[in-house]
Amino acid sequence: MIEETVHPIAKLDAPYGRELRLHDVLYGEDMQLLRLTIKEGRRITIVNLDAATVEELARLMSDWAARAKR
């Protein structure tokens, strides 16, 4: 089994009692992913994302936030 090293990055409280957590996850020696954990009550969703996906998601979210502030 591949060894997994996890380092916490941030914890955010989101609307409606949701909690978001970000972790830096290293699998073995060469695969690094960002783990997004969303907690909604007792329900937990975990998504592991590569760097390219995180960059695109960050761009899309930033664009949305800029428009939503108007």
N, C-alpha and C. Protein backbone atom coordinates (compact mmCIF):
# COMPACT_ATOMS: atom_id res chain seq x y z
N MET A 1 0.84 -1.19 0.00
CA MET A 1 0.00 0.00 0.00
C MET A 1 0.88 1.25 0.00
N ILE A 2 0.47 2.26 -0.76
CA ILE A 2 1.23 3.49 -0.87
C ILE A 2 1.07 4.31 0.41
N GLU A 3 2.18 4.82 0.91
CA GLU A 3 2.16 5.65 2.11
C GLU A 3 1.58 7.02 1.79
N GLU A 4 0.75 7.53 2.69
CA GLU A 4 0.09 8.81 2.52
C GLU A 4 0.54 9.74 3.65
N THR A 5 1.09 10.91 3.29
CA THR A 5 1.47 11.92 4.27
C THR A 5 0.53 13.11 4.12
N VAL A 6 -0.13 13.49 5.22
CA VAL A 6 -1.15 14.53 5.16
C VAL A 6 -0.75 15.70 6.06
N HIS A 7 -0.80 16.93 5.49
CA HIS A 7 -0.50 18.14 6.24
C HIS A 7 -1.69 19.11 6.12
N PRO A 8 -2.27 19.54 7.25
CA PRO A 8 -3.38 20.48 7.18
C PRO A 8 -2.93 21.83 6.63
N ILE A 9 -3.80 22.44 5.83
CA ILE A 9 -3.53 23.77 5.28
C ILE A 9 -4.47 24.80 5.90
N ALA A 10 -5.78 24.52 5.86
CA ALA A 10 -6.75 25.51 6.34
C ALA A 10 -8.06 24.84 6.70
N LYS A 11 -8.82 25.54 7.54
CA LYS A 11 -10.19 25.15 7.89
C LYS A 11 -11.05 26.39 7.76
N LEU A 12 -12.14 26.28 7.02
CA LEU A 12 -13.03 27.41 6.80
C LEU A 12 -14.45 27.05 7.23
N ASP A 13 -15.11 27.97 7.90
CA ASP A 13 -16.53 27.80 8.20
C ASP A 13 -17.31 28.42 7.05
N ALA A 14 -18.20 27.64 6.46
CA ALA A 14 -18.98 28.08 5.31
C ALA A 14 -20.44 28.27 5.73
N PRO A 15 -21.24 28.92 4.88
CA PRO A 15 -22.65 29.14 5.21
C PRO A 15 -23.39 27.83 5.49
N TYR A 16 -24.45 27.95 6.28
CA TYR A 16 -25.36 26.85 6.61
C TYR A 16 -24.68 25.74 7.40
N GLY A 17 -23.72 26.11 8.24
CA GLY A 17 -23.07 25.15 9.12
C GLY A 17 -22.10 24.20 8.46
N ARG A 18 -21.70 24.50 7.26
CA ARG A 18 -20.74 23.64 6.56
C ARG A 18 -19.33 23.99 7.00
N GLU A 19 -18.45 23.00 6.90
CA GLU A 19 -17.04 23.18 7.24
C GLU A 19 -16.20 22.67 6.07
N LEU A 20 -15.24 23.48 5.65
CA LEU A 20 -14.32 23.10 4.57
C LEU A 20 -12.93 22.97 5.14
N ARG A 21 -12.25 21.90 4.77
CA ARG A 21 -10.86 21.70 5.19
C ARG A 21 -10.00 21.42 3.97
N LEU A 22 -8.80 21.98 3.97
CA LEU A 22 -7.82 21.73 2.92
C LEU A 22 -6.60 21.05 3.52
N HIS A 23 -6.13 20.01 2.83
CA HIS A 23 -4.93 19.30 3.26
C HIS A 23 -4.00 19.09 2.06
N ASP A 24 -2.72 19.17 2.32
CA ASP A 24 -1.70 18.82 1.33
C ASP A 24 -1.41 17.33 1.54
N VAL A 25 -1.62 16.53 0.49
CA VAL A 25 -1.46 15.08 0.61
C VAL A 25 -0.36 14.61 -0.35
N LEU A 26 0.61 13.90 0.20
CA LEU A 26 1.70 13.33 -0.59
C LEU A 26 1.56 11.81 -0.56
N TYR A 27 1.42 11.21 -1.73
CA TYR A 27 1.35 9.76 -1.86
C TYR A 27 2.72 9.26 -2.31
N GLY A 28 3.31 8.37 -1.51
CA GLY A 28 4.64 7.89 -1.84
C GLY A 28 5.61 9.06 -1.85
N GLU A 29 6.40 9.13 -2.90
CA GLU A 29 7.39 10.21 -3.01
C GLU A 29 7.12 11.16 -4.17
N ASP A 30 6.11 10.85 -5.01
CA ASP A 30 6.00 11.64 -6.24
C ASP A 30 4.61 12.14 -6.61
N MET A 31 3.57 11.81 -5.87
CA MET A 31 2.24 12.29 -6.22
C MET A 31 1.69 13.19 -5.11
N GLN A 32 1.51 14.47 -5.43
CA GLN A 32 1.01 15.45 -4.46
C GLN A 32 -0.35 15.95 -4.92
N LEU A 33 -1.32 15.91 -3.99
CA LEU A 33 -2.67 16.34 -4.29
C LEU A 33 -3.17 17.28 -3.20
N LEU A 34 -4.17 18.06 -3.54
CA LEU A 34 -4.86 18.89 -2.57
C LEU A 34 -6.15 18.16 -2.21
N ARG A 35 -6.36 17.92 -0.92
CA ARG A 35 -7.58 17.25 -0.47
C ARG A 35 -8.55 18.30 0.07
N LEU A 36 -9.74 18.34 -0.52
CA LEU A 36 -10.81 19.20 -0.05
C LEU A 36 -11.82 18.31 0.65
N THR A 37 -12.08 18.61 1.91
CA THR A 37 -13.07 17.87 2.68
C THR A 37 -14.20 18.82 3.02
N ILE A 38 -15.42 18.42 2.67
CA ILE A 38 -16.61 19.23 2.96
C ILE A 38 -17.45 18.45 3.96
N LYS A 39 -17.72 19.08 5.10
CA LYS A 39 -18.55 18.45 6.13
C LYS A 39 -19.86 19.19 6.21
N GLU A 40 -20.97 18.46 6.05
CA GLU A 40 -22.32 19.01 6.13
C GLU A 40 -23.08 18.16 7.14
N GLY A 41 -23.13 18.63 8.38
CA GLY A 41 -23.74 17.81 9.42
C GLY A 41 -22.91 16.55 9.62
N ARG A 42 -23.53 15.38 9.43
CA ARG A 42 -22.78 14.12 9.56
C ARG A 42 -22.24 13.63 8.23
N ARG A 43 -22.60 14.30 7.16
CA ARG A 43 -22.16 13.89 5.82
C ARG A 43 -20.79 14.50 5.51
N ILE A 44 -19.89 13.69 4.98
CA ILE A 44 -18.54 14.15 4.65
C ILE A 44 -18.23 13.78 3.20
N THR A 45 -17.78 14.76 2.43
CA THR A 45 -17.36 14.54 1.04
C THR A 45 -15.88 14.88 0.93
N ILE A 46 -15.11 13.97 0.35
CA ILE A 46 -13.67 14.18 0.19
C ILE A 46 -13.33 14.15 -1.30
N VAL A 47 -12.62 15.19 -1.76
CA VAL A 47 -12.21 15.28 -3.16
C VAL A 47 -10.71 15.54 -3.19
N ASN A 48 -9.96 14.70 -3.89
CA ASN A 48 -8.52 14.90 -4.09
C ASN A 48 -8.31 15.50 -5.47
N LEU A 49 -7.56 16.61 -5.54
CA LEU A 49 -7.37 17.35 -6.78
C LEU A 49 -5.89 17.53 -7.11
N ASP A 50 -5.57 17.42 -8.39
CA ASP A 50 -4.19 17.68 -8.82
C ASP A 50 -3.98 19.18 -9.00
N ALA A 51 -2.74 19.58 -9.18
CA ALA A 51 -2.39 21.00 -9.25
C ALA A 51 -3.08 21.72 -10.42
N ALA A 52 -3.16 21.08 -11.57
CA ALA A 52 -3.79 21.72 -12.73
C ALA A 52 -5.28 21.97 -12.47
N THR A 53 -5.95 21.02 -11.86
CA THR A 53 -7.37 21.18 -11.54
C THR A 53 -7.57 22.27 -10.51
N VAL A 54 -6.70 22.33 -9.50
CA VAL A 54 -6.80 23.36 -8.46
C VAL A 54 -6.60 24.74 -9.08
N GLU A 55 -5.65 24.88 -9.99
CA GLU A 55 -5.42 26.18 -10.64
C GLU A 55 -6.66 26.63 -11.41
N GLU A 56 -7.26 25.72 -12.17
CA GLU A 56 -8.45 26.07 -12.96
C GLU A 56 -9.63 26.38 -12.03
N LEU A 57 -9.82 25.58 -11.00
CA LEU A 57 -10.90 25.82 -10.05
C LEU A 57 -10.71 27.16 -9.34
N ALA A 58 -9.49 27.47 -8.94
CA ALA A 58 -9.19 28.74 -8.27
C ALA A 58 -9.51 29.92 -9.19
N ARG A 59 -9.16 29.79 -10.47
CA ARG A 59 -9.46 30.86 -11.43
C ARG A 59 -10.96 31.05 -11.58
N LEU A 60 -11.70 29.96 -11.74
CA LEU A 60 -13.15 30.04 -11.90
C LEU A 60 -13.82 30.62 -10.65
N MET A 61 -13.36 30.22 -9.48
CA MET A 61 -13.93 30.73 -8.24
C MET A 61 -13.62 32.20 -8.05
N SER A 62 -12.41 32.62 -8.39
CA SER A 62 -12.02 34.02 -8.27
C SER A 62 -12.85 34.88 -9.23
N ASP A 63 -13.05 34.40 -10.45
CA ASP A 63 -13.88 35.13 -11.42
C ASP A 63 -15.30 35.28 -10.89
N TRP A 64 -15.85 34.20 -10.34
CA TRP A 64 -17.20 34.26 -9.80
C TRP A 64 -17.29 35.24 -8.63
N ALA A 65 -16.31 35.19 -7.72
CA ALA A 65 -16.32 36.08 -6.56
C ALA A 65 -16.26 37.54 -6.98
N ALA A 66 -15.47 37.84 -8.00
CA ALA A 66 -15.37 39.22 -8.48
C ALA A 66 -16.72 39.70 -9.02
N ARG A 67 -17.43 38.83 -9.74
CA ARG A 67 -18.75 39.21 -10.27
C ARG A 67 -19.79 39.29 -9.16
N ALA A 68 -19.71 38.43 -8.18
CA ALA A 68 -20.71 38.38 -7.10
C ALA A 68 -20.64 39.59 -6.19
N LYS A 69 -19.50 40.26 -6.12
CA LYS A 69 -19.32 41.42 -5.24
C LYS A 69 -20.05 42.65 -5.76
N ARG A 70 -20.43 42.64 -7.01
CA ARG A 70 -21.06 43.83 -7.62
C ARG A 70 -22.40 44.11 -7.04
